[in-house]
C-alpha atoms as a PDB file:
ATOM      1  CA  MET A   1       1.177   3.012  17.283  1.00  0.00           C
ATOM      2  CA  ASN A   2       4.054   0.574  16.822  1.00  0.00           C
ATOM      3  CA  LYS A   3       3.427  -3.170  16.547  1.00  0.00           C
ATOM      4  CA  GLU A   4       4.762  -4.009  20.040  1.00  0.00           C
ATOM      5  CA  GLU A   5       2.502  -1.430  21.706  1.00  0.00           C
ATOM      6  CA  PHE A   6      -0.443  -2.596  19.588  1.00  0.00           C
ATOM      7  CA  GLU A   7       0.038  -6.242  20.635  1.00  0.00           C
ATOM      8  CA  LYS A   8      -0.003  -5.204  24.332  1.00  0.00           C
ATOM      9  CA  ARG A   9      -3.358  -3.466  23.816  1.00  0.00           C
ATOM     10  CA  ASN A  10      -4.984  -6.045  21.520  1.00  0.00           C
ATOM     11  CA  VAL A  11      -7.213  -7.684  24.162  1.00  0.00           C
ATOM     12  CA  PHE A  12      -8.484 -10.541  21.948  1.00  0.00           C
ATOM     13  CA  GLY A  13      -5.106 -11.401  20.431  1.00  0.00           C
ATOM     14  CA  LEU A  14      -4.094 -11.610  16.793  1.00  0.00           C
ATOM     15  CA  GLY A  15      -5.981 -14.729  15.677  1.00  0.00           C
ATOM     16  CA  ASN A  16      -5.185 -16.716  12.537  1.00  0.00           C
ATOM     17  CA  PRO A  17      -4.347 -15.398   9.074  1.00  0.00           C
ATOM     18  CA  ASN A  18      -7.639 -14.479   7.410  1.00  0.00           C
ATOM     19  CA  ASP A  19      -6.827 -16.588   4.334  1.00  0.00           C
ATOM     20  CA  ALA A  20     -10.439 -17.567   3.534  1.00  0.00           C
ATOM     21  CA  TYR A  21     -11.349 -13.892   3.041  1.00  0.00           C
ATOM     22  CA  ALA A  22      -7.976 -12.567   1.808  1.00  0.00           C
ATOM     23  CA  LYS A  23      -9.379 -11.692  -1.620  1.00  0.00           C
ATOM     24  CA  TYR A  24     -11.633  -9.092   0.053  1.00  0.00           C
ATOM     25  CA  PHE A  25      -8.716  -7.254   1.707  1.00  0.00           C
ATOM     26  CA  THR A  26      -5.805  -5.135   0.530  1.00  0.00           C
ATOM     27  CA  GLY A  27      -3.016  -6.299   2.830  1.00  0.00           C
ATOM     28  CA  ASN A  28      -2.898  -8.859   5.629  1.00  0.00           C
ATOM     29  CA  SER A  29      -5.677  -9.435   8.126  1.00  0.00           C
ATOM     30  CA  TYR A  30      -6.263 -11.920  10.947  1.00  0.00           C
ATOM     31  CA  LEU A  31      -9.462 -13.467  12.275  1.00  0.00           C
ATOM     32  CA  LYS A  32     -10.216 -14.554  15.832  1.00  0.00           C
ATOM     33  CA  ARG A  33     -13.661 -16.111  16.249  1.00  0.00           C
ATOM     34  CA  LEU A  34     -15.094 -15.147  19.650  1.00  0.00           C
ATOM     35  CA  ALA A  35     -18.602 -16.642  19.915  1.00  0.00           C
ATOM     36  CA  LYS A  36     -21.639 -17.828  17.982  1.00  0.00           C
ATOM     37  CA  THR A  37     -25.225 -17.803  19.230  1.00  0.00           C
ATOM     38  CA  GLU A  38     -27.778 -20.558  18.701  1.00  0.00           C
ATOM     39  CA  ASN A  39     -29.593 -18.429  16.109  1.00  0.00           C
ATOM     40  CA  GLY A  40     -26.447 -17.963  14.019  1.00  0.00           C
ATOM     41  CA  ILE A  41     -25.174 -14.555  15.122  1.00  0.00           C
ATOM     42  CA  SER A  42     -21.390 -14.736  15.201  1.00  0.00           C
ATOM     43  CA  PHE A  43     -18.866 -12.504  16.936  1.00  0.00           C
ATOM     44  CA  ALA A  44     -15.300 -12.177  15.746  1.00  0.00           C
ATOM     45  CA  ASN A  45     -12.317  -9.910  16.115  1.00  0.00           C
ATOM     46  CA  VAL A  46     -10.501  -8.881  12.934  1.00  0.00           C
ATOM     47  CA  THR A  47      -7.005  -7.409  13.049  1.00  0.00           C
ATOM     48  CA  PHE A  48      -5.728  -5.392  10.079  1.00  0.00           C
ATOM     49  CA  GLU A  49      -1.995  -4.802   9.595  1.00  0.00           C
ATOM     50  CA  SER A  50      -1.100  -1.160   8.976  1.00  0.00           C
ATOM     51  CA  SER A  51      -2.652   0.187   5.744  1.00  0.00           C
ATOM     52  CA  CYS A  52      -4.728  -2.997   5.293  1.00  0.00           C
ATOM     53  CA  ARG A  53      -8.401  -2.432   4.541  1.00  0.00           C
ATOM     54  CA  ASN A  54     -11.291  -4.386   3.168  1.00  0.00           C
ATOM     55  CA  ASN A  55     -12.913  -3.678  -0.182  1.00  0.00           C
ATOM     56  CA  TRP A  56     -16.125  -1.739  -0.538  1.00  0.00           C
ATOM     57  CA  HIS A  57     -18.884  -4.117   0.547  1.00  0.00           C
ATOM     58  CA  ILE A  58     -22.521  -4.379   1.627  1.00  0.00           C
ATOM     59  CA  HIS A  59     -24.091  -6.592   4.292  1.00  0.00           C
ATOM     60  CA  LYS A  60     -27.342  -7.385   2.514  1.00  0.00           C
ATOM     61  CA  SER A  61     -30.456  -8.172   4.487  1.00  0.00           C
ATOM     62  CA  LYS A  62     -34.214  -8.221   3.989  1.00  0.00           C
ATOM     63  CA  SER A  63     -34.784  -7.914   7.747  1.00  0.00           C
ATOM     64  CA  GLY A  64     -32.320  -7.264  10.580  1.00  0.00           C
ATOM     65  CA  GLY A  65     -28.657  -7.580   9.703  1.00  0.00           C
ATOM     66  CA  GLY A  66     -26.081  -4.854   9.268  1.00  0.00           C
ATOM     67  CA  GLN A  67     -22.810  -4.704  11.178  1.00  0.00           C
ATOM     68  CA  VAL A  68     -21.477  -3.218  14.395  1.00  0.00           C
ATOM     69  CA  LEU A  69     -17.770  -2.321  14.549  1.00  0.00           C
ATOM     70  CA  ILE A  70     -16.110  -1.892  17.931  1.00  0.00           C
ATOM     71  CA  CYS A  71     -12.544  -0.599  17.696  1.00  0.00           C
ATOM     72  CA  THR A  72     -10.652  -2.591  20.329  1.00  0.00           C
ATOM     73  CA  ALA A  73      -7.025  -1.600  19.612  1.00  0.00           C
ATOM     74  CA  GLY A  74      -5.048   0.576  17.238  1.00  0.00           C
ATOM     75  CA  TYR A  75      -6.324   3.209  14.830  1.00  0.00           C
ATOM     76  CA  GLY A  76      -8.278   2.936  11.626  1.00  0.00           C
ATOM     77  CA  TYR A  77     -10.778   4.381   9.204  1.00  0.00           C
ATOM     78  CA  TYR A  78     -14.397   3.742   8.272  1.00  0.00           C
ATOM     79  CA  GLN A  79     -16.206   5.169   5.259  1.00  0.00           C
ATOM     80  CA  GLU A  80     -19.732   4.885   3.882  1.00  0.00           C
ATOM     81  CA  TRP A  81     -20.307   5.389   0.165  1.00  0.00           C
ATOM     82  CA  GLY A  82     -20.722   9.106  -0.569  1.00  0.00           C
ATOM     83  CA  LYS A  83     -19.611  10.247   2.905  1.00  0.00           C
ATOM     84  CA  GLU A  84     -16.370  11.474   4.438  1.00  0.00           C
ATOM     85  CA  VAL A  85     -13.830   9.066   5.955  1.00  0.00           C
ATOM     86  CA  GLN A  86     -14.207   8.677   9.702  1.00  0.00           C
ATOM     87  CA  LYS A  87     -11.220   8.001  12.005  1.00  0.00           C
ATOM     88  CA  LEU A  88     -11.466   5.083  14.432  1.00  0.00           C
ATOM     89  CA  SER A  89      -9.827   4.944  17.877  1.00  0.00           C
ATOM     90  CA  PRO A  90     -10.076   2.361  20.671  1.00  0.00           C
ATOM     91  CA  GLY A  91     -13.578   2.384  22.128  1.00  0.00           C
ATOM     92  CA  ASP A  92     -15.252   3.845  19.024  1.00  0.00           C
ATOM     93  CA  ILE A  93     -18.411   2.069  17.900  1.00  0.00           C
ATOM     94  CA  VAL A  94     -19.894   2.291  14.404  1.00  0.00           C
ATOM     95  CA  VAL A  95     -23.381   0.942  13.721  1.00  0.00           C
ATOM     96  CA  ILE A  96     -23.740   0.096  10.028  1.00  0.00           C
ATOM     97  CA  GLN A  97     -27.263  -0.339   8.775  1.00  0.00           C
ATOM     98  CA  PRO A  98     -28.047  -3.211   6.381  1.00  0.00           C
ATOM     99  CA  ASN A  99     -27.457  -2.568   2.675  1.00  0.00           C
ATOM    100  CA  VAL A 100     -25.011   0.324   3.286  1.00  0.00           C
ATOM    101  CA  LYS A 101     -21.904   0.226   1.070  1.00  0.00           C
ATOM    102  CA  HIS A 102     -18.771   0.788   3.171  1.00  0.00           C
ATOM    103  CA  TRP A 103     -15.163  -0.171   3.944  1.00  0.00           C
ATOM    104  CA  HIS A 104     -12.956  -0.138   7.048  1.00  0.00           C
ATOM    105  CA  GLY A 105      -9.299  -0.719   7.803  1.00  0.00           C
ATOM    106  CA  ALA A 106      -6.093   0.353   9.518  1.00  0.00           C
ATOM    107  CA  GLN A 107      -4.378   3.699   9.282  1.00  0.00           C
ATOM    108  CA  PRO A 108      -0.897   3.661   7.648  1.00  0.00           C
ATOM    109  CA  SER A 109       0.860   4.207  10.987  1.00  0.00           C
ATOM    110  CA  SER A 110      -1.027   1.609  13.047  1.00  0.00           C
ATOM    111  CA  CYS A 111      -2.625  -1.805  13.032  1.00  0.00           C
ATOM    112  CA  LEU A 112      -6.361  -1.925  13.808  1.00  0.00           C
ATOM    113  CA  SER A 113      -8.308  -4.507  15.744  1.00  0.00           C
ATOM    114  CA  GLN A 114     -12.097  -4.490  15.655  1.00  0.00           C
ATOM    115  CA  ALA A 115     -14.778  -6.737  17.080  1.00  0.00           C
END
């Protein structure tokens, strides 16, 4: 998907350069904060330029936690440690349990936006 088509479909918009977390990404990413609840749960949309991905990481938690990825525009990949790469398309949802090592990012031919 070319950049112009991606921008038309990116419902939350690009956001700001994700400079605070740039060291955890290979390539450029953008962050758009969407909401935060009173008990500290935050919602954000992250946009990855083509071929950008984040490093292997774990969302550690003693209770609750984890991560939910909702692909909102573009095409990407998700992989858990020791498992096959999974393709992401708009509308795909990935529920990541706490303490699971994983990465996610854009395919080489498309940007990816995920909430």
